[in-house]
Structures are given as C-alpha cells and as structure tokens.
C-alpha cells in the first residue's frame, strides 16, 4: 500500500480554492500510521490562522492514479476539516 501526505494550500478559510501539493509518501503495511503521525505533527506546527486555511491529508493510492494527476478538488463539508 502507498500513502501520500497531501497539503491543501487554500486561498482562504472557506477552502473552496485549493492547490494540492504532495508533501511526502510511504510504502508498506504501516504507511497509513506513518502518514497519520506526520499529519498530526505538521498540523500542530501550523499557526492557528494557517490551520484555518490549509490542511494536510493522508490519501491511500492504488496503482492507477498518481498525485501529480490529482486534478479534482474535494467537496469539503464543515466537519471534514475539524481536528
């Protein structure tokens, strides 16, 4: 399994206009746990203002789609980015 740590850089707190950047990746059976650990640390390192605008996400990838091909913007609901 491959897990990518993605950073959503957003123009404002509505998170309706975001750029997706691959920050890191892990392979293997513990990839999701490694990504989750990094996600927690990186999120805590953001300032309060930046936590409202940007977010880190762990995303499992199959063999088909690569992060560079990730073009769609996720439909976010208010609860999806509360931590």
Protein backbone atom coordinates (compact mmCIF):
# COMPACT_ATOMS: atom_id res chain seq x y z
CA UNK A 1 0.00 0.00 0.00
CA UNK A 2 1.19 3.53 -0.78
CA UNK A 3 0.01 6.52 1.24
CA UNK A 4 0.63 10.12 0.21
CA UNK A 5 0.68 13.08 2.55
CA UNK A 6 -1.00 15.88 0.63
CA UNK A 7 -1.03 19.54 1.60
CA UNK A 8 -4.07 21.52 0.53
CA UNK A 9 -2.95 25.15 0.17
CA UNK A 10 -6.12 27.24 0.14
CA UNK A 11 -6.70 30.88 -0.69
CA UNK A 12 -8.95 31.49 2.32
CA UNK A 13 -10.70 29.79 5.22
CA UNK A 14 -13.61 28.61 3.04
CA UNK A 15 -11.18 26.14 1.44
CA UNK A 16 -13.04 26.41 -1.83
CA UNK A 17 -9.97 27.32 -3.93
CA UNK A 18 -7.09 24.99 -3.06
CA UNK A 19 -3.90 23.73 -4.66
CA UNK A 20 -2.84 20.17 -3.84
CA UNK A 21 0.86 19.53 -3.15
CA UNK A 22 2.42 16.14 -2.41
CA UNK A 23 4.40 16.60 0.80
CA UNK A 24 5.62 13.03 1.42
CA UNK A 25 4.79 9.37 0.79
CA UNK A 26 5.19 5.99 2.47
CA UNK A 27 5.01 2.40 1.24
CA UNK A 28 4.27 -0.77 3.13
CA UNK A 29 1.88 -2.17 5.70
CA UNK A 30 2.39 0.70 8.19
CA UNK A 31 2.25 3.52 5.65
CA UNK A 32 -1.08 4.85 6.92
CA UNK A 33 0.15 5.03 10.52
CA UNK A 34 3.36 6.78 9.45
CA UNK A 35 1.37 9.33 7.47
CA UNK A 36 -1.04 9.90 10.36
CA UNK A 37 1.86 10.56 12.74
CA UNK A 38 3.37 13.10 10.34
CA UNK A 39 -0.03 14.68 9.70
CA UNK A 40 -0.57 15.30 13.42
CA UNK A 41 2.86 16.85 13.93
CA UNK A 42 2.66 19.05 10.84
CA UNK A 43 -0.86 20.24 11.62
CA UNK A 44 0.19 21.20 15.15
CA UNK A 45 3.15 23.12 13.70
CA UNK A 46 0.85 25.38 11.66
CA UNK A 47 -0.19 28.68 13.16
CA UNK A 48 -3.86 28.98 14.12
CA UNK A 49 -4.54 31.18 11.09
CA UNK A 50 -2.88 28.74 8.71
CA UNK A 51 -4.74 25.81 10.28
CA UNK A 52 -7.97 27.51 9.22
CA UNK A 53 -6.77 27.93 5.63
CA UNK A 54 -4.60 24.89 4.89
CA UNK A 55 -4.74 21.23 5.78
CA UNK A 56 -2.74 18.04 5.50
CA UNK A 57 -4.46 14.85 4.32
CA UNK A 58 -3.30 11.23 4.14
CA UNK A 59 -4.53 9.59 0.97
CA UNK A 60 -4.15 5.93 0.08
CA UNK A 61 -3.31 5.35 -3.58
CA UNK A 62 -3.94 2.40 -5.81
CA UNK A 63 -1.84 1.52 -8.82
CA UNK A 64 -3.75 3.83 -11.17
CA UNK A 65 -3.74 7.44 -10.01
CA UNK A 66 -0.57 9.32 -9.11
CA UNK A 67 -0.66 12.53 -7.02
CA UNK A 68 0.52 14.63 -9.98
CA UNK A 69 -2.63 13.52 -11.81
CA UNK A 70 -4.86 14.62 -8.93
CA UNK A 71 -6.87 17.41 -10.56
CA UNK A 72 -10.24 17.34 -8.84
CA UNK A 73 -10.90 19.45 -5.80
CA UNK A 74 -12.62 17.66 -2.96
CA UNK A 75 -16.08 18.61 -1.86
CA UNK A 76 -15.47 19.76 1.69
CA UNK A 77 -18.04 19.97 4.39
CA UNK A 78 -17.55 21.91 7.59
CA UNK A 79 -16.99 18.82 9.70
CA UNK A 80 -14.37 17.38 7.34
CA UNK A 81 -11.66 19.77 8.45
CA UNK A 82 -12.18 19.99 12.18
CA UNK A 83 -9.35 18.39 14.09
